Amino acid sequence: MLERGPRAVTLANVGHELGMTHANVIYHFGSAADLQSTLMESMIKDLIAALDKIRADAGAPVIVVDQMFDAFGKGGAGSLAAWIILSGNAARLEPVRNAVKALVAAIVDQTGDVETARGVHEAVLMMTLMAFGDAVIGPYIRDMLEERNDAAVGLAARVLPHLLRPSGSPAS
């Protein structure tokens, strides 16, 4: 996908890259749409799992945000999501939607805190939108504003801990 774009994420191409037969890839994924949805779902699961790290480690936001922006930019999730949406196939992102809801619910169940739930929702929204936007149009916007390449990453890393702060915690 990174070399040839989202349209290259076909079962035949993936099979070739992995040294598998086309039939074997079909057996595991069913269709290219299912494969693409699985890729997006996996990236979102990684994001949600990273949110727990952020609450536990004050230095984690920069690392997690870097990973998220890399996944959407260098990893191709931003291009893949844009291609899926612009192709009129938003329904293919339904597994991503389900994964996000289930994982956020699991974090909320684990903490039992409604404020944590709100913070997790806001953190997922902010990080996903920022990483997606940065991957798709970030270089042009940064150039217009004469900003560094890591400007959005730094902004997200500074804001993220505030969204995940437990209710009643003092501001840092």
N, C-alpha and C. Protein backbone atom coordinates (compact mmCIF):
# COMPACT_ATOMS: atom_id res chain seq x y z
N MET A 1 0.82 -1.18 0.00
CA MET A 1 0.00 0.00 0.00
C MET A 1 0.88 1.25 0.00
N LEU A 2 1.95 1.24 0.78
CA LEU A 2 2.81 2.42 0.85
C LEU A 2 3.50 2.70 -0.46
N GLU A 3 3.86 1.66 -1.18
CA GLU A 3 4.57 1.85 -2.45
C GLU A 3 3.63 2.19 -3.59
N ARG A 4 2.43 1.58 -3.59
CA ARG A 4 1.54 1.74 -4.74
C ARG A 4 0.17 2.32 -4.41
N GLY A 5 -0.08 2.66 -3.15
CA GLY A 5 -1.34 3.28 -2.77
C GLY A 5 -2.40 2.26 -2.36
N PRO A 6 -3.52 2.76 -1.79
CA PRO A 6 -4.57 1.89 -1.28
C PRO A 6 -5.19 0.96 -2.34
N ARG A 7 -5.23 1.39 -3.58
CA ARG A 7 -5.82 0.53 -4.62
C ARG A 7 -5.01 -0.75 -4.82
N ALA A 8 -3.76 -0.73 -4.38
CA ALA A 8 -2.90 -1.90 -4.53
C ALA A 8 -3.16 -2.95 -3.45
N VAL A 9 -3.99 -2.61 -2.46
CA VAL A 9 -4.29 -3.57 -1.40
C VAL A 9 -5.37 -4.54 -1.92
N THR A 10 -4.93 -5.44 -2.77
CA THR A 10 -5.80 -6.49 -3.29
C THR A 10 -5.35 -7.81 -2.69
N LEU A 11 -6.23 -8.78 -2.73
CA LEU A 11 -5.88 -10.08 -2.18
C LEU A 11 -4.70 -10.70 -2.93
N ALA A 12 -4.68 -10.54 -4.24
CA ALA A 12 -3.59 -11.10 -5.03
C ALA A 12 -2.26 -10.45 -4.67
N ASN A 13 -2.25 -9.12 -4.55
CA ASN A 13 -1.01 -8.42 -4.21
C ASN A 13 -0.53 -8.76 -2.80
N VAL A 14 -1.47 -8.81 -1.87
CA VAL A 14 -1.11 -9.16 -0.49
C VAL A 14 -0.57 -10.58 -0.45
N GLY A 15 -1.24 -11.49 -1.12
CA GLY A 15 -0.78 -12.87 -1.18
C GLY A 15 0.63 -12.96 -1.75
N HIS A 16 0.86 -12.23 -2.82
CA HIS A 16 2.19 -12.23 -3.45
C HIS A 16 3.25 -11.73 -2.47
N GLU A 17 2.95 -10.61 -1.79
CA GLU A 17 3.91 -10.03 -0.84
C GLU A 17 4.20 -10.97 0.32
N LEU A 18 3.20 -11.73 0.74
CA LEU A 18 3.36 -12.64 1.88
C LEU A 18 3.83 -14.03 1.48
N GLY A 19 3.91 -14.27 0.18
CA GLY A 19 4.30 -15.60 -0.29
C GLY A 19 3.19 -16.62 -0.12
N MET A 20 1.95 -16.14 -0.16
CA MET A 20 0.79 -17.02 -0.01
C MET A 20 0.02 -17.06 -1.33
N THR A 21 -0.78 -18.08 -1.47
CA THR A 21 -1.62 -18.15 -2.66
C THR A 21 -2.80 -17.21 -2.51
N HIS A 22 -3.36 -16.81 -3.63
CA HIS A 22 -4.55 -15.96 -3.63
C HIS A 22 -5.68 -16.65 -2.87
N ALA A 23 -5.82 -17.96 -3.07
CA ALA A 23 -6.88 -18.72 -2.40
C ALA A 23 -6.70 -18.71 -0.89
N ASN A 24 -5.47 -18.78 -0.42
CA ASN A 24 -5.21 -18.77 1.01
C ASN A 24 -5.59 -17.41 1.62
N VAL A 25 -5.30 -16.34 0.91
CA VAL A 25 -5.66 -15.01 1.40
C VAL A 25 -7.18 -14.87 1.42
N ILE A 26 -7.85 -15.38 0.38
CA ILE A 26 -9.32 -15.34 0.35
C ILE A 26 -9.88 -16.11 1.54
N TYR A 27 -9.29 -17.26 1.85
CA TYR A 27 -9.75 -18.07 2.98
C TYR A 27 -9.69 -17.25 4.28
N HIS A 28 -8.62 -16.49 4.47
CA HIS A 28 -8.44 -15.75 5.72
C HIS A 28 -9.24 -14.45 5.77
N PHE A 29 -9.41 -13.77 4.63
CA PHE A 29 -10.04 -12.46 4.65
C PHE A 29 -11.35 -12.37 3.89
N GLY A 30 -11.60 -13.24 2.96
CA GLY A 30 -12.86 -13.23 2.21
C GLY A 30 -12.85 -12.32 1.00
N SER A 31 -12.43 -11.08 1.20
CA SER A 31 -12.42 -10.13 0.09
C SER A 31 -11.41 -9.03 0.39
N ALA A 32 -11.08 -8.24 -0.64
CA ALA A 32 -10.17 -7.11 -0.44
C ALA A 32 -10.78 -6.10 0.52
N ALA A 33 -12.10 -5.92 0.44
CA ALA A 33 -12.79 -5.00 1.35
C ALA A 33 -12.62 -5.46 2.80
N ASP A 34 -12.76 -6.77 3.02
CA ASP A 34 -12.59 -7.30 4.38
C ASP A 34 -11.14 -7.14 4.84
N LEU A 35 -10.20 -7.32 3.94
CA LEU A 35 -8.79 -7.14 4.28
C LEU A 35 -8.53 -5.69 4.67
N GLN A 36 -9.04 -4.75 3.90
CA GLN A 36 -8.85 -3.33 4.19
C GLN A 36 -9.51 -2.95 5.52
N SER A 37 -10.70 -3.48 5.76
CA SER A 37 -11.38 -3.21 7.03
C SER A 37 -10.58 -3.78 8.20
N THR A 38 -10.01 -4.95 8.01
CA THR A 38 -9.20 -5.57 9.06
C THR A 38 -7.96 -4.72 9.35
N LEU A 39 -7.34 -4.17 8.32
CA LEU A 39 -6.19 -3.28 8.52
C LEU A 39 -6.59 -2.07 9.36
N MET A 40 -7.70 -1.44 9.01
CA MET A 40 -8.16 -0.27 9.75
C MET A 40 -8.51 -0.65 11.19
N GLU A 41 -9.20 -1.76 11.36
CA GLU A 41 -9.60 -2.21 12.69
C GLU A 41 -8.37 -2.45 13.56
N SER A 42 -7.35 -3.05 12.99
CA SER A 42 -6.12 -3.32 13.73
C SER A 42 -5.46 -2.02 14.18
N MET A 43 -5.44 -1.02 13.32
CA MET A 43 -4.83 0.25 13.67
C MET A 43 -5.60 0.95 14.79
N ILE A 44 -6.92 0.86 14.74
CA ILE A 44 -7.74 1.48 15.79
C ILE A 44 -7.54 0.75 17.11
N LYS A 45 -7.45 -0.58 17.08
CA LYS A 45 -7.20 -1.34 18.31
C LYS A 45 -5.88 -0.92 18.94
N ASP A 46 -4.88 -0.71 18.11
CA ASP A 46 -3.59 -0.26 18.63
C ASP A 46 -3.72 1.11 19.29
N LEU A 47 -4.51 1.99 18.71
CA LEU A 47 -4.73 3.31 19.28
C LEU A 47 -5.38 3.20 20.65
N ILE A 48 -6.44 2.43 20.75
CA ILE A 48 -7.16 2.31 22.01
C ILE A 48 -6.26 1.70 23.08
N ALA A 49 -5.51 0.69 22.72
CA ALA A 49 -4.59 0.06 23.68
C ALA A 49 -3.55 1.06 24.17
N ALA A 50 -3.15 1.95 23.28
CA ALA A 50 -2.14 2.94 23.65
C ALA A 50 -2.68 3.95 24.66
N LEU A 51 -3.98 4.19 24.67
CA LEU A 51 -4.55 5.17 25.59
C LEU A 51 -4.32 4.77 27.04
N ASP A 52 -4.35 3.50 27.35
CA ASP A 52 -4.06 3.03 28.70
C ASP A 52 -2.64 3.39 29.10
N LYS A 53 -1.70 3.27 28.16
CA LYS A 53 -0.30 3.61 28.42
C LYS A 53 -0.17 5.09 28.79
N ILE A 54 -0.94 5.91 28.13
CA ILE A 54 -0.84 7.35 28.35
C ILE A 54 -1.26 7.71 29.77
N ARG A 55 -2.34 7.09 30.25
CA ARG A 55 -2.80 7.40 31.60
C ARG A 55 -1.79 6.94 32.64
N ALA A 56 -1.00 5.92 32.34
CA ALA A 56 -0.06 5.36 33.31
C ALA A 56 1.32 5.99 33.25
N ASP A 57 1.69 6.62 32.15
CA ASP A 57 3.06 7.11 31.97
C ASP A 57 3.03 8.51 31.39
N ALA A 58 3.54 9.46 32.16
CA ALA A 58 3.51 10.86 31.73
C ALA A 58 4.28 11.10 30.43
N GLY A 59 5.29 10.27 30.12
CA GLY A 59 6.07 10.44 28.90
C GLY A 59 5.48 9.74 27.70
N ALA A 60 4.44 8.93 27.93
CA ALA A 60 3.87 8.12 26.85
C ALA A 60 3.17 8.92 25.76
N PRO A 61 2.53 10.07 26.03
CA PRO A 61 1.80 10.75 24.95
C PRO A 61 2.62 11.00 23.70
N VAL A 62 3.87 11.44 23.86
CA VAL A 62 4.69 11.74 22.69
C VAL A 62 4.94 10.45 21.89
N ILE A 63 5.23 9.36 22.58
CA ILE A 63 5.50 8.09 21.92
C ILE A 63 4.25 7.58 21.21
N VAL A 64 3.12 7.61 21.91
CA VAL A 64 1.87 7.11 21.35
C VAL A 64 1.41 7.96 20.17
N VAL A 65 1.49 9.26 20.31
CA VAL A 65 1.09 10.15 19.22
C VAL A 65 1.99 9.94 18.01
N ASP A 66 3.29 9.81 18.25
CA ASP A 66 4.21 9.50 17.14
C ASP A 66 3.78 8.23 16.42
N GLN A 67 3.47 7.19 17.19
CA GLN A 67 3.06 5.91 16.59
C GLN A 67 1.77 6.07 15.80
N MET A 68 0.83 6.82 16.35
CA MET A 68 -0.46 7.03 15.69
C MET A 68 -0.27 7.80 14.38
N PHE A 69 0.50 8.87 14.42
CA PHE A 69 0.73 9.66 13.22
C PHE A 69 1.51 8.85 12.18
N ASP A 70 2.46 8.03 12.65
CA ASP A 70 3.19 7.16 11.73
C ASP A 70 2.26 6.15 11.08
N ALA A 71 1.33 5.58 11.86
CA ALA A 71 0.40 4.59 11.31
C ALA A 71 -0.48 5.22 10.22
N PHE A 72 -0.95 6.43 10.48
CA PHE A 72 -1.81 7.09 9.49
C PHE A 72 -1.02 7.64 8.33
N GLY A 73 0.20 8.12 8.59
CA GLY A 73 1.03 8.69 7.53
C GLY A 73 1.87 7.65 6.85
N LYS A 74 2.99 7.29 7.47
CA LYS A 74 3.92 6.33 6.89
C LYS A 74 3.29 4.94 6.75
N GLY A 75 2.40 4.57 7.70
CA GLY A 75 1.77 3.25 7.66
C GLY A 75 0.62 3.16 6.67
N GLY A 76 0.12 4.29 6.20
CA GLY A 76 -0.88 4.30 5.16
C GLY A 76 -2.34 4.26 5.59
N ALA A 77 -2.62 4.26 6.89
CA ALA A 77 -4.01 4.20 7.33
C ALA A 77 -4.81 5.41 6.86
N GLY A 78 -4.18 6.57 6.84
CA GLY A 78 -4.88 7.78 6.38
C GLY A 78 -5.29 7.67 4.92
N SER A 79 -4.37 7.23 4.08
CA SER A 79 -4.67 7.06 2.66
C SER A 79 -5.73 5.98 2.45
N LEU A 80 -5.60 4.89 3.20
CA LEU A 80 -6.56 3.80 3.07
C LEU A 80 -7.96 4.25 3.48
N ALA A 81 -8.07 4.93 4.62
CA ALA A 81 -9.37 5.41 5.08
C ALA A 81 -9.96 6.41 4.09
N ALA A 82 -9.14 7.33 3.60
CA ALA A 82 -9.63 8.31 2.63
C ALA A 82 -10.12 7.62 1.37
N TRP A 83 -9.36 6.65 0.90
CA TRP A 83 -9.76 5.93 -0.31
C TRP A 83 -11.07 5.17 -0.10
N ILE A 84 -11.21 4.53 1.05
CA ILE A 84 -12.46 3.79 1.34
C ILE A 84 -13.64 4.75 1.35
N ILE A 85 -13.50 5.88 2.04
CA ILE A 85 -14.59 6.86 2.13
C ILE A 85 -14.88 7.49 0.77
N LEU A 86 -13.84 7.94 0.07
CA LEU A 86 -14.04 8.61 -1.22
C LEU A 86 -14.53 7.66 -2.31
N SER A 87 -14.33 6.37 -2.10
CA SER A 87 -14.86 5.37 -3.04
C SER A 87 -16.33 5.07 -2.79
N GLY A 88 -16.89 5.71 -1.76
CA GLY A 88 -18.30 5.50 -1.44
C GLY A 88 -18.54 4.18 -0.72
N ASN A 89 -17.51 3.67 -0.07
CA ASN A 89 -17.62 2.37 0.60
C ASN A 89 -17.50 2.50 2.12
N ALA A 90 -18.09 3.52 2.69
CA ALA A 90 -17.98 3.77 4.13
C ALA A 90 -18.46 2.57 4.95
N ALA A 91 -19.36 1.78 4.42
CA ALA A 91 -19.85 0.61 5.15
C ALA A 91 -18.71 -0.36 5.46
N ARG A 92 -17.65 -0.32 4.66
CA ARG A 92 -16.50 -1.20 4.91
C ARG A 92 -15.76 -0.82 6.18
N LEU A 93 -16.03 0.37 6.71
CA LEU A 93 -15.41 0.78 7.96
C LEU A 93 -16.24 0.38 9.18
N GLU A 94 -17.34 -0.31 8.96
CA GLU A 94 -18.20 -0.75 10.08
C GLU A 94 -17.45 -1.61 11.10
N PRO A 95 -16.57 -2.53 10.67
CA PRO A 95 -15.80 -3.27 11.67
C PRO A 95 -14.91 -2.35 12.52
N VAL A 96 -14.44 -1.26 11.95
CA VAL A 96 -13.64 -0.31 12.70
C VAL A 96 -14.52 0.35 13.76
N ARG A 97 -15.70 0.75 13.34
CA ARG A 97 -16.67 1.36 14.27
C ARG A 97 -16.96 0.43 15.42
N ASN A 98 -17.21 -0.83 15.12
CA ASN A 98 -17.51 -1.81 16.16
C ASN A 98 -16.32 -2.02 17.09
N ALA A 99 -15.11 -2.05 16.52
CA ALA A 99 -13.91 -2.23 17.34
C ALA A 99 -13.71 -1.05 18.28
N VAL A 100 -13.91 0.16 17.77
CA VAL A 100 -13.75 1.35 18.60
C VAL A 100 -14.74 1.32 19.75
N LYS A 101 -16.00 1.04 19.45
CA LYS A 101 -17.03 1.01 20.50
C LYS A 101 -16.72 -0.06 21.55
N ALA A 102 -16.33 -1.24 21.11
CA ALA A 102 -16.05 -2.33 22.04
C ALA A 102 -14.84 -2.02 22.91
N LEU A 103 -13.80 -1.47 22.32
CA LEU A 103 -12.59 -1.19 23.08
C LEU A 103 -12.77 -0.03 24.04
N VAL A 104 -13.48 1.01 23.62
CA VAL A 104 -13.75 2.12 24.54
C VAL A 104 -14.61 1.60 25.69
N ALA A 105 -15.60 0.76 25.39
CA ALA A 105 -16.45 0.19 26.44
C ALA A 105 -15.62 -0.65 27.41
N ALA A 106 -14.65 -1.38 26.90
CA ALA A 106 -13.81 -2.21 27.76
C ALA A 106 -12.98 -1.34 28.71
N ILE A 107 -12.47 -0.23 28.20
CA ILE A 107 -11.70 0.68 29.06
C ILE A 107 -12.60 1.28 30.13
N VAL A 108 -13.80 1.65 29.73
CA VAL A 108 -14.75 2.24 30.68
C VAL A 108 -15.14 1.20 31.74
N ASP A 109 -15.41 -0.03 31.30
CA ASP A 109 -15.76 -1.09 32.25
C ASP A 109 -14.62 -1.33 33.24
N GLN A 110 -13.40 -1.24 32.74
CA GLN A 110 -12.22 -1.48 33.57
C GLN A 110 -12.09 -0.39 34.65
N THR A 111 -12.37 0.86 34.28
CA THR A 111 -12.21 1.95 35.23
C THR A 111 -13.50 2.26 35.97
N GLY A 112 -14.64 1.99 35.33
CA GLY A 112 -15.93 2.28 35.95
C GLY A 112 -16.20 3.76 36.12
N ASP A 113 -15.51 4.61 35.39
CA ASP A 113 -15.60 6.05 35.55
C ASP A 113 -16.18 6.69 34.29
N VAL A 114 -17.31 7.39 34.43
CA VAL A 114 -17.96 8.04 33.29
C VAL A 114 -17.08 9.14 32.71
N GLU A 115 -16.35 9.87 33.56
CA GLU A 115 -15.46 10.92 33.08
C GLU A 115 -14.32 10.32 32.24
N THR A 116 -13.83 9.15 32.66
CA THR A 116 -12.79 8.48 31.87
C THR A 116 -13.35 8.12 30.50
N ALA A 117 -14.60 7.66 30.47
CA ALA A 117 -15.23 7.31 29.19
C ALA A 117 -15.26 8.52 28.27
N ARG A 118 -15.64 9.66 28.80
CA ARG A 118 -15.70 10.88 28.00
C ARG A 118 -14.31 11.24 27.48
N GLY A 119 -13.33 11.15 28.35
CA GLY A 119 -11.96 11.46 27.97
C GLY A 119 -11.43 10.53 26.89
N VAL A 120 -11.76 9.24 27.00
CA VAL A 120 -11.33 8.27 26.00
C VAL A 120 -11.97 8.58 24.66
N HIS A 121 -13.27 8.87 24.68
CA HIS A 121 -13.96 9.23 23.43
C HIS A 121 -13.32 10.46 22.79
N GLU A 122 -13.07 11.48 23.60
CA GLU A 122 -12.46 12.70 23.08
C GLU A 122 -11.04 12.46 22.57
N ALA A 123 -10.28 11.63 23.29
CA ALA A 123 -8.91 11.34 22.87
C ALA A 123 -8.88 10.59 21.55
N VAL A 124 -9.77 9.61 21.40
CA VAL A 124 -9.84 8.85 20.15
C VAL A 124 -10.23 9.78 19.00
N LEU A 125 -11.22 10.62 19.23
CA LEU A 125 -11.67 11.57 18.20
C LEU A 125 -10.53 12.51 17.80
N MET A 126 -9.90 13.12 18.80
CA MET A 126 -8.84 14.08 18.49
C MET A 126 -7.67 13.43 17.77
N MET A 127 -7.18 12.32 18.31
CA MET A 127 -6.00 11.69 17.71
C MET A 127 -6.28 11.18 16.31
N THR A 128 -7.44 10.57 16.12
CA THR A 128 -7.78 10.02 14.81
C THR A 128 -7.93 11.13 13.78
N LEU A 129 -8.67 12.18 14.13
CA LEU A 129 -8.85 13.28 13.18
C LEU A 129 -7.53 13.99 12.88
N MET A 130 -6.73 14.22 13.90
CA MET A 130 -5.46 14.91 13.67
C MET A 130 -4.51 14.06 12.84
N ALA A 131 -4.40 12.78 13.18
CA ALA A 131 -3.49 11.91 12.43
C ALA A 131 -3.97 11.72 11.00
N PHE A 132 -5.28 11.55 10.82
CA PHE A 132 -5.84 11.40 9.49
C PHE A 132 -5.61 12.67 8.67
N GLY A 133 -5.97 13.80 9.24
CA GLY A 133 -5.79 15.07 8.53
C GLY A 133 -4.33 15.34 8.21
N ASP A 134 -3.45 15.04 9.15
CA ASP A 134 -2.03 15.26 8.92
C ASP A 134 -1.53 14.36 7.79
N ALA A 135 -2.02 13.12 7.76
CA ALA A 135 -1.58 12.18 6.72
C ALA A 135 -2.06 12.61 5.34
N VAL A 136 -3.28 13.12 5.27
CA VAL A 136 -3.88 13.42 3.97
C VAL A 136 -3.50 14.80 3.45
N ILE A 137 -3.54 15.81 4.31
CA ILE A 137 -3.29 17.18 3.83
C ILE A 137 -2.28 17.95 4.68
N GLY A 138 -1.76 17.31 5.71
CA GLY A 138 -0.83 17.96 6.63
C GLY A 138 0.35 18.66 5.98
N PRO A 139 1.05 18.00 5.05
CA PRO A 139 2.22 18.68 4.45
C PRO A 139 1.86 20.02 3.81
N TYR A 140 0.72 20.12 3.20
CA TYR A 140 0.30 21.36 2.53
C TYR A 140 -0.07 22.43 3.54
N ILE A 141 -0.79 22.01 4.60
CA ILE A 141 -1.19 22.97 5.63
C ILE A 141 0.04 23.47 6.38
N ARG A 142 0.93 22.56 6.75
CA ARG A 142 2.16 22.97 7.46
C ARG A 142 2.97 23.94 6.61
N ASP A 143 3.07 23.66 5.31
CA ASP A 143 3.80 24.55 4.41
C ASP A 143 3.16 25.94 4.38
N MET A 144 1.83 25.99 4.30
CA MET A 144 1.12 27.28 4.27
C MET A 144 1.39 28.09 5.53
N LEU A 145 1.47 27.38 6.66
CA LEU A 145 1.66 28.04 7.95
C LEU A 145 3.13 28.13 8.36
N GLU A 146 3.99 27.64 7.49
CA GLU A 146 5.44 27.61 7.75
C GLU A 146 5.74 26.94 9.09
N GLU A 147 5.12 25.77 9.28
CA GLU A 147 5.31 24.98 10.50
C GLU A 147 6.27 23.83 10.24
N ARG A 148 6.86 23.32 11.31
CA ARG A 148 7.74 22.15 11.23
C ARG A 148 6.92 20.91 10.88
N ASN A 149 7.59 19.87 10.38
CA ASN A 149 6.92 18.63 10.02
C ASN A 149 6.26 17.95 11.21
N ASP A 150 6.77 18.16 12.42
CA ASP A 150 6.22 17.50 13.60
C ASP A 150 5.28 18.40 14.41
N ALA A 151 4.82 19.50 13.83
CA ALA A 151 3.99 20.46 14.55
C ALA A 151 2.69 19.84 15.06
N ALA A 152 1.99 19.08 14.24
CA ALA A 152 0.72 18.47 14.66
C ALA A 152 0.95 17.39 15.70
N VAL A 153 2.04 16.64 15.57
CA VAL A 153 2.37 15.61 16.55
C VAL A 153 2.60 16.25 17.91
N GLY A 154 3.36 17.33 17.94
CA GLY A 154 3.62 18.03 19.20
C GLY A 154 2.35 18.57 19.83
N LEU A 155 1.48 19.15 19.01
CA LEU A 155 0.21 19.67 19.51
C LEU A 155 -0.64 18.56 20.10
N ALA A 156 -0.76 17.47 19.40
CA ALA A 156 -1.56 16.34 19.89
C ALA A 156 -0.98 15.78 21.19
N ALA A 157 0.33 15.67 21.28
CA ALA A 157 0.97 15.14 22.48
C ALA A 157 0.74 16.06 23.68
N ARG A 158 0.68 17.37 23.45
CA ARG A 158 0.43 18.30 24.55
C ARG A 158 -1.02 18.27 25.02
N VAL A 159 -1.96 18.06 24.11
CA VAL A 159 -3.38 18.09 24.45
C VAL A 159 -3.87 16.75 25.02
N LEU A 160 -3.36 15.67 24.52
CA LEU A 160 -3.85 14.34 24.87
C LEU A 160 -3.94 14.06 26.38
N PRO A 161 -2.91 14.34 27.16
CA PRO A 161 -3.01 14.03 28.60
C PRO A 161 -4.17 14.76 29.30
N HIS A 162 -4.51 15.94 28.80
CA HIS A 162 -5.61 16.70 29.41
C HIS A 162 -6.96 16.01 29.19
N LEU A 163 -7.09 15.33 28.07
CA LEU A 163 -8.34 14.62 27.78
C LEU A 163 -8.48 13.37 28.64
N LEU A 164 -7.37 12.78 29.01
CA LEU A 164 -7.40 11.51 29.73
C LEU A 164 -7.23 11.66 31.23
N ARG A 165 -7.12 12.88 31.72
CA ARG A 165 -6.97 13.12 33.15
C ARG A 165 -8.24 12.68 33.87
N PRO A 166 -8.11 11.87 34.92
CA PRO A 166 -9.29 11.46 35.67
C PRO A 166 -10.01 12.67 36.26
N SER A 167 -11.31 12.52 36.44
CA SER A 167 -12.14 13.57 36.99
C SER A 167 -11.58 14.04 38.33
N GLY A 168 -11.50 15.36 38.49
CA GLY A 168 -11.04 15.91 39.75
C GLY A 168 -9.53 16.03 39.87
N SER A 169 -8.79 15.54 38.90
CA SER A 169 -7.33 15.64 38.94
C SER A 169 -6.92 17.07 38.64
N PRO A 170 -5.88 17.54 39.31
CA PRO A 170 -5.45 18.91 39.03
C PRO A 170 -4.82 19.02 37.64
N ALA A 171 -4.92 20.19 37.06
CA ALA A 171 -4.29 20.43 35.76
C ALA A 171 -2.79 20.49 35.96
N SER A 172 -2.06 20.05 34.93
CA SER A 172 -0.59 20.11 35.05
C SER A 172 -0.05 21.36 34.43
